Amino acid sequence: MQTGSVIAEEIAQFNALAARWWDDTGPMRPLHMMNGPRAAWVAARIAPRFPPGTRVLDVGCGAGLLSEALAKAGYDVLGLDAGGEVIEAARLHAAGQNLPLAYHHGTAEALAASGAKFPVITALEVLEHVADPRAFLSLLVSLLAPGGLLFLSTLNRTPASFMVAKLGAEYVLRLLPRGTHDWRKFITPVELGRHCRAAGLRLADTAGLSFSARLRHFQVSRDMSVNYLVMAEAVEGSRALPAPAR
């Protein structure tokens, strides 16, 4: 079942992992491994534009790995997710840490309808799980304040990503539950660039996020063949295409 950008089956799949989301040896281990490098990449690009305390919206936050990392870097973070169980896990983990961090169970569509605007929006590892990536980007732009920055990460649709992120991670190494990803929904950088332009965005920076088998961790690199990161900004005077009616 689908409601706007949300696919109910995807939400149910991630809700089922909520209890072990913060277990860095559990089913979310790959996210734990990549969270440090990706959060550092994002924070390093926010800092020249916006001071500590700037509001950040983390869309599709799950149980809050990125949200907590950005809050610890000094930003005022709102984590948003359509999964009630992952949001509860996020709140429980953040409790008592006295972080500038709040969580909201809901959709980006409902938040946009409220008129909310944010200087910085992140949506990492989300695009490959939404119903319509192009419409979802237009939705994110509607939440972006003038002069704001949008950060994305996703999986490239290449033979390498099929071997590494699908077969390797889900079936060989069993780092992720089977069925976590649909390789056909992975998005190439060319496709993402096209979607961004249609939404009124300009790609300002890109990078790969690669796993080093020797060092046993992820690192930012030039290799975008599997995971990659994007920073985009609204083009002044542009007008995003409207999202389809629900």
Protein backbone atom coordinates (compact mmCIF):
# COMPACT_ATOMS: atom_id res chain seq x y z
CA MET A 1 0.00 0.00 0.00
CA GLN A 2 1.21 3.50 -0.87
CA THR A 3 0.34 6.89 0.61
CA GLY A 4 2.16 9.81 -1.01
CA SER A 5 5.90 9.06 -0.89
CA VAL A 6 5.44 6.34 1.75
CA ILE A 7 5.28 2.64 0.86
CA ALA A 8 3.66 0.80 3.76
CA GLU A 9 5.61 -2.41 3.19
CA GLU A 10 8.90 -0.50 3.44
CA ILE A 11 7.83 1.13 6.72
CA ALA A 12 6.76 -2.23 8.15
CA GLN A 13 10.12 -3.74 7.21
CA PHE A 14 12.07 -1.06 9.06
CA ASN A 15 9.69 -1.02 12.04
CA ALA A 16 10.46 -4.72 12.44
CA LEU A 17 14.13 -3.80 12.95
CA ALA A 18 13.48 -1.04 15.49
CA ALA A 19 14.41 -3.01 18.61
CA ARG A 20 17.90 -3.79 17.25
CA TRP A 21 18.56 -0.55 15.35
CA TRP A 22 21.14 0.68 17.87
CA ASP A 23 22.89 -2.71 18.08
CA ASP A 24 26.06 -2.04 16.07
CA THR A 25 26.57 -5.77 15.55
CA GLY A 26 22.95 -6.36 14.47
CA PRO A 27 20.98 -5.90 11.25
CA MET A 28 21.79 -2.16 11.07
CA ARG A 29 25.55 -2.79 11.28
CA PRO A 30 26.27 -1.31 7.81
CA LEU A 31 24.49 1.92 8.78
CA HIS A 32 26.53 2.14 11.98
CA MET A 33 29.71 1.62 9.97
CA MET A 34 28.92 4.35 7.45
CA ASN A 35 27.29 6.81 9.85
CA GLY A 36 30.49 8.44 11.10
CA PRO A 37 31.92 9.27 7.65
CA ARG A 38 28.61 10.40 6.18
CA ALA A 39 27.72 12.56 9.22
CA ALA A 40 31.16 14.18 9.13
CA TRP A 41 30.79 14.89 5.38
CA VAL A 42 27.41 16.54 5.94
CA ALA A 43 28.52 18.54 9.00
CA ALA A 44 31.64 19.81 7.20
CA ARG A 45 29.44 21.27 4.46
CA ILE A 46 26.84 22.79 6.78
CA ALA A 47 29.45 24.58 8.89
CA PRO A 48 30.63 27.17 6.30
CA ARG A 49 27.02 28.22 5.62
CA PHE A 50 25.22 27.93 8.94
CA PRO A 51 26.24 28.33 12.62
CA PRO A 52 25.72 25.80 15.41
CA GLY A 53 22.09 25.74 16.51
CA THR A 54 20.77 25.83 12.94
CA ARG A 55 17.64 23.73 12.47
CA VAL A 56 18.13 20.48 10.57
CA LEU A 57 15.33 18.20 9.37
CA ASP A 58 16.38 14.55 9.05
CA VAL A 59 13.76 12.90 6.82
CA GLY A 60 13.48 9.13 7.07
CA CYS A 61 15.58 9.25 10.24
CA GLY A 62 14.88 5.68 11.33
CA ALA A 63 15.96 5.23 14.95
CA GLY A 64 18.17 8.31 14.77
CA LEU A 65 21.76 7.40 13.89
CA LEU A 66 22.34 10.51 11.77
CA SER A 67 20.01 12.69 13.86
CA GLU A 68 22.01 12.05 17.02
CA ALA A 69 25.34 12.57 15.25
CA LEU A 70 24.25 15.97 13.89
CA ALA A 71 22.76 16.98 17.26
CA LYS A 72 26.09 16.13 18.91
CA ALA A 73 27.75 18.38 16.31
CA GLY A 74 25.63 21.24 17.67
CA TYR A 75 22.69 21.42 15.30
CA ASP A 76 19.02 21.62 16.35
CA VAL A 77 17.68 18.44 14.78
CA LEU A 78 14.16 17.23 14.08
CA GLY A 79 14.07 13.57 13.07
CA LEU A 80 11.06 12.61 10.95
CA ASP A 81 9.93 9.10 10.06
CA ALA A 82 6.68 7.44 9.04
CA GLY A 83 7.53 4.41 11.18
CA GLY A 84 6.13 4.68 14.68
CA GLU A 85 8.29 1.92 16.15
CA VAL A 86 11.57 3.32 14.83
CA ILE A 87 10.65 6.78 16.15
CA GLU A 88 9.99 5.30 19.58
CA ALA A 89 13.37 3.55 19.48
CA ALA A 90 14.97 6.88 18.53
CA ARG A 91 13.32 8.68 21.45
CA LEU A 92 14.34 5.99 23.91
CA HIS A 93 17.96 6.09 22.79
CA ALA A 94 18.14 9.90 22.96
CA ALA A 95 16.49 10.08 26.38
CA GLY A 96 18.73 11.61 29.03
CA GLN A 97 21.43 12.76 26.62
CA ASN A 98 20.31 16.41 26.75
CA LEU A 99 20.75 16.84 23.01
CA PRO A 100 19.13 19.54 20.82
CA LEU A 101 17.05 16.81 19.24
CA ALA A 102 13.36 15.98 18.81
CA TYR A 103 11.52 13.30 16.87
CA HIS A 104 8.22 13.34 15.02
CA HIS A 105 6.22 10.38 13.78
CA GLY A 106 4.67 11.46 10.50
CA THR A 107 5.20 12.08 6.79
CA ALA A 108 7.05 14.77 4.89
CA GLU A 109 3.78 15.57 3.12
CA ALA A 110 2.05 16.42 6.40
CA LEU A 111 5.01 18.48 7.61
CA ALA A 112 5.09 20.42 4.33
CA ALA A 113 1.35 21.09 4.62
CA SER A 114 2.02 22.76 7.98
CA GLY A 115 4.22 25.36 6.25
CA ALA A 116 7.40 24.33 8.07
CA LYS A 117 10.74 25.36 6.53
CA PHE A 118 14.27 24.23 7.37
CA PRO A 119 17.67 25.67 6.39
CA VAL A 120 19.14 22.16 6.16
CA ILE A 121 17.42 18.91 5.21
CA THR A 122 18.96 15.45 5.14
CA ALA A 123 17.46 12.33 3.56
CA LEU A 124 20.14 9.66 3.65
CA GLU A 125 19.46 6.14 2.39
CA VAL A 126 15.84 7.12 1.73
CA LEU A 127 15.42 7.72 -2.02
CA GLU A 128 15.65 4.04 -2.89
CA HIS A 129 12.74 3.33 -0.53
CA VAL A 130 10.16 5.94 -1.66
CA ALA A 131 7.41 5.55 -4.25
CA ASP A 132 8.56 8.30 -6.64
CA PRO A 133 12.05 9.81 -6.14
CA ARG A 134 11.38 12.79 -8.41
CA ALA A 135 8.16 13.73 -6.60
CA PHE A 136 9.87 13.12 -3.25
CA LEU A 137 12.63 15.60 -4.14
CA SER A 138 10.04 18.22 -5.04
CA LEU A 139 8.42 17.56 -1.67
CA LEU A 140 11.75 18.10 0.11
CA VAL A 141 12.27 21.36 -1.78
CA SER A 142 8.90 22.57 -0.48
CA LEU A 143 10.33 22.11 3.05
CA LEU A 144 13.62 23.86 2.26
CA ALA A 145 14.09 27.45 3.39
CA PRO A 146 15.49 29.97 0.84
CA GLY A 147 19.24 29.49 0.55
CA GLY A 148 18.98 26.10 2.24
CA LEU A 149 20.97 22.92 1.67
CA LEU A 150 19.67 19.43 0.93
CA PHE A 151 21.82 16.36 1.60
CA LEU A 152 21.07 13.00 0.03
CA SER A 153 22.69 9.60 -0.07
CA THR A 154 21.58 6.60 -2.04
CA LEU A 155 22.77 3.55 -3.95
CA ASN A 156 23.95 3.61 -7.54
CA ARG A 157 22.39 1.09 -9.95
CA THR A 158 25.49 -0.65 -11.22
CA PRO A 159 26.78 -4.24 -11.47
CA ALA A 160 29.06 -3.40 -8.53
CA SER A 161 26.14 -2.33 -6.32
CA PHE A 162 24.21 -5.46 -7.24
CA MET A 163 27.14 -7.62 -6.17
CA VAL A 164 28.07 -5.63 -3.06
CA ALA A 165 24.90 -4.00 -1.69
CA LYS A 166 22.39 -6.64 -2.75
CA LEU A 167 23.96 -10.10 -3.09
CA GLY A 168 26.95 -9.49 -0.82
CA ALA A 169 25.27 -7.60 2.02
CA GLU A 170 21.98 -9.51 2.08
CA TYR A 171 22.83 -13.04 0.95
CA VAL A 172 26.56 -13.71 1.36
CA LEU A 173 27.68 -11.70 4.41
CA ARG A 174 24.12 -11.35 5.78
CA LEU A 175 24.85 -7.83 7.00
CA LEU A 176 21.28 -6.82 6.11
CA PRO A 177 17.99 -8.74 6.20
CA ARG A 178 17.06 -10.24 2.85
CA GLY A 179 14.76 -7.97 0.89
CA THR A 180 16.10 -4.74 2.43
CA HIS A 181 16.85 -3.35 -1.02
CA ASP A 182 15.37 -3.65 -4.49
CA TRP A 183 18.29 -3.14 -6.90
CA ARG A 184 15.90 -1.94 -9.60
CA LYS A 185 15.09 1.09 -7.41
CA PHE A 186 18.72 2.16 -7.06
CA ILE A 187 19.36 5.54 -8.68
CA THR A 188 22.30 6.51 -10.87
CA PRO A 189 23.98 9.91 -10.35
CA VAL A 190 22.78 10.97 -13.81
CA GLU A 191 19.19 10.12 -12.90
CA LEU A 192 19.49 11.89 -9.55
CA GLY A 193 20.93 14.96 -11.24
CA ARG A 194 17.98 15.00 -13.62
CA HIS A 195 15.51 14.67 -10.74
CA CYS A 196 17.25 17.46 -8.82
CA ARG A 197 17.11 19.85 -11.78
CA ALA A 198 13.41 19.08 -12.23
CA ALA A 199 12.86 19.91 -8.55
CA GLY A 200 14.70 23.22 -8.85
CA LEU A 201 17.96 22.07 -7.28
CA ARG A 202 21.59 22.44 -8.28
CA LEU A 203 24.09 19.72 -7.37
CA ALA A 204 26.83 21.50 -5.40
CA ASP A 205 28.95 18.54 -4.26
CA THR A 206 29.13 14.76 -4.60
CA ALA A 207 31.24 11.98 -3.14
CA GLY A 208 31.39 8.23 -2.94
CA LEU A 209 31.03 6.25 0.27
CA SER A 210 33.18 3.16 -0.07
CA PHE A 211 33.84 0.16 2.13
CA SER A 212 37.48 -0.66 2.72
CA ALA A 213 37.87 -4.40 3.18
CA ARG A 214 41.40 -3.86 4.51
CA LEU A 215 40.41 -1.28 7.12
CA ARG A 216 36.95 -2.81 7.72
CA HIS A 217 35.13 0.52 7.62
CA PHE A 218 33.50 2.98 5.24
CA GLN A 219 35.27 6.09 4.01
CA VAL A 220 34.42 9.03 1.77
CA SER A 221 36.00 8.50 -1.65
CA ARG A 222 35.71 9.30 -5.33
CA ASP A 223 34.18 5.92 -6.06
CA MET A 224 30.42 6.42 -6.55
CA SER A 225 29.77 2.96 -8.02
CA VAL A 226 27.91 1.68 -4.92
CA ASN A 227 27.00 4.30 -2.28
CA TYR A 228 27.23 8.02 -2.90
CA LEU A 229 26.49 11.35 -1.20
CA VAL A 230 25.07 14.54 -2.68
CA MET A 231 24.73 18.14 -1.51
CA ALA A 232 22.19 20.21 -3.45
CA GLU A 233 20.95 23.77 -3.15
CA ALA A 234 17.89 25.52 -4.49
CA VAL A 235 18.44 27.46 -7.71
CA GLU A 236 17.43 31.06 -7.10
CA GLY A 237 14.18 31.92 -8.83
CA SER A 238 13.49 28.31 -9.78
CA ARG A 239 10.15 26.62 -9.31
CA ALA A 240 9.97 22.93 -8.49
CA LEU A 241 7.51 20.77 -10.33
CA PRO A 242 4.49 19.96 -8.16
CA ALA A 243 4.26 16.53 -6.62
CA PRO A 244 1.45 14.38 -7.96
CA ALA A 245 -1.88 14.59 -6.15
CA ARG A 246 -2.51 11.90 -3.56
